[in-house]
Amino acid sequence: MSMISSSVTLAAATVQAFAMFFFSYRIMKVVEEDGEKLAQPRPEHEAVAQLTRNEAAY
């Protein structure tokens, strides 16, 4: 492998690692700050809840 391709591969891996850590951090912050609000049931969840109740009956 040439020096250029090794350098570009290392740069890409570094950017990917940074992006993974950054977005993981942001997701944890959102859950920490808005977790209770996000855990509340919403109307669009009703179909899944009904399906779960139907499957529990079997």
C-alpha atoms as a PDB file:
ATOM      1  CA  MET A   1       0.000   0.000   0.000  1.00  0.00           C
ATOM      2  CA  SER A   2       1.354   3.402  -0.847  1.00  0.00           C
ATOM      3  CA  MET A   3       1.939   6.157   1.677  1.00  0.00           C
ATOM      4  CA  ILE A   4      -0.912   8.263   0.259  1.00  0.00           C
ATOM      5  CA  SER A   5      -3.500   5.491   0.422  1.00  0.00           C
ATOM      6  CA  SER A   6      -2.425   4.628   3.966  1.00  0.00           C
ATOM      7  CA  SER A   7      -2.733   8.265   5.009  1.00  0.00           C
ATOM      8  CA  VAL A   8      -6.162   8.641   3.424  1.00  0.00           C
ATOM      9  CA  THR A   9      -7.361   5.415   5.053  1.00  0.00           C
ATOM     10  CA  LEU A  10      -6.102   6.619   8.433  1.00  0.00           C
ATOM     11  CA  ALA A  11      -7.813   9.989   7.952  1.00  0.00           C
ATOM     12  CA  ALA A  12     -11.094   8.289   7.017  1.00  0.00           C
ATOM     13  CA  ALA A  13     -10.915   6.008  10.059  1.00  0.00           C
ATOM     14  CA  THR A  14     -10.186   8.999  12.300  1.00  0.00           C
ATOM     15  CA  VAL A  15     -13.151  10.941  10.930  1.00  0.00           C
ATOM     16  CA  GLN A  16     -15.423   7.909  11.345  1.00  0.00           C
ATOM     17  CA  ALA A  17     -14.296   7.393  14.951  1.00  0.00           C
ATOM     18  CA  PHE A  18     -14.801  11.073  15.762  1.00  0.00           C
ATOM     19  CA  ALA A  19     -18.266  11.030  14.185  1.00  0.00           C
ATOM     20  CA  MET A  20     -19.226   7.917  16.164  1.00  0.00           C
ATOM     21  CA  PHE A  21     -18.152   9.450  19.471  1.00  0.00           C
ATOM     22  CA  PHE A  22     -19.721  12.832  18.691  1.00  0.00           C
ATOM     23  CA  PHE A  23     -23.105  11.430  17.708  1.00  0.00           C
ATOM     24  CA  SER A  24     -23.111   8.965  20.608  1.00  0.00           C
ATOM     25  CA  TYR A  25     -22.465  11.886  22.952  1.00  0.00           C
ATOM     26  CA  ARG A  26     -25.255  13.969  21.391  1.00  0.00           C
ATOM     27  CA  ILE A  27     -27.739  11.080  21.613  1.00  0.00           C
ATOM     28  CA  MET A  28     -26.896  10.581  25.296  1.00  0.00           C
ATOM     29  CA  LYS A  29     -27.338  14.320  25.962  1.00  0.00           C
ATOM     30  CA  VAL A  30     -30.765  14.360  24.280  1.00  0.00           C
ATOM     31  CA  VAL A  31     -31.891  11.316  26.266  1.00  0.00           C
ATOM     32  CA  GLU A  32     -30.545  12.874  29.464  1.00  0.00           C
ATOM     33  CA  GLU A  33     -32.283  16.207  28.868  1.00  0.00           C
ATOM     34  CA  ASP A  34     -35.527  15.051  27.221  1.00  0.00           C
ATOM     35  CA  GLY A  35     -35.804  11.409  28.287  1.00  0.00           C
ATOM     36  CA  GLU A  36     -39.017  11.794  30.254  1.00  0.00           C
ATOM     37  CA  LYS A  37     -40.728  13.673  27.435  1.00  0.00           C
ATOM     38  CA  LEU A  38     -39.540  11.118  24.877  1.00  0.00           C
ATOM     39  CA  ALA A  39     -40.820   8.231  27.013  1.00  0.00           C
ATOM     40  CA  GLN A  40     -44.397   9.540  27.012  1.00  0.00           C
ATOM     41  CA  PRO A  41     -46.866   7.594  24.859  1.00  0.00           C
ATOM     42  CA  ARG A  42     -47.775   9.288  21.594  1.00  0.00           C
ATOM     43  CA  PRO A  43     -50.747   8.691  19.274  1.00  0.00           C
ATOM     44  CA  GLU A  44     -48.536   7.175  16.582  1.00  0.00           C
ATOM     45  CA  HIS A  45     -47.474   4.459  19.055  1.00  0.00           C
ATOM     46  CA  GLU A  46     -51.033   3.212  19.555  1.00  0.00           C
ATOM     47  CA  ALA A  47     -50.909   0.825  16.578  1.00  0.00           C
ATOM     48  CA  VAL A  48     -47.817  -0.892  17.978  1.00  0.00           C
ATOM     49  CA  ALA A  49     -49.333  -1.028  21.469  1.00  0.00           C
ATOM     50  CA  GLN A  50     -52.509  -2.610  20.059  1.00  0.00           C
ATOM     51  CA  LEU A  51     -50.472  -5.198  18.150  1.00  0.00           C
ATOM     52  CA  THR A  52     -48.549  -6.024  21.331  1.00  0.00           C
ATOM     53  CA  ARG A  53     -51.813  -6.486  23.247  1.00  0.00           C
ATOM     54  CA  ASN A  54     -53.177  -8.728  20.477  1.00  0.00           C
ATOM     55  CA  GLU A  55     -50.038 -10.877  20.472  1.00  0.00           C
ATOM     56  CA  ALA A  56     -50.125 -11.192  24.261  1.00  0.00           C
ATOM     57  CA  ALA A  57     -53.615 -12.701  23.979  1.00  0.00           C
ATOM     58  CA  TYR A  58     -52.249 -15.700  22.029  1.00  0.00           C
END
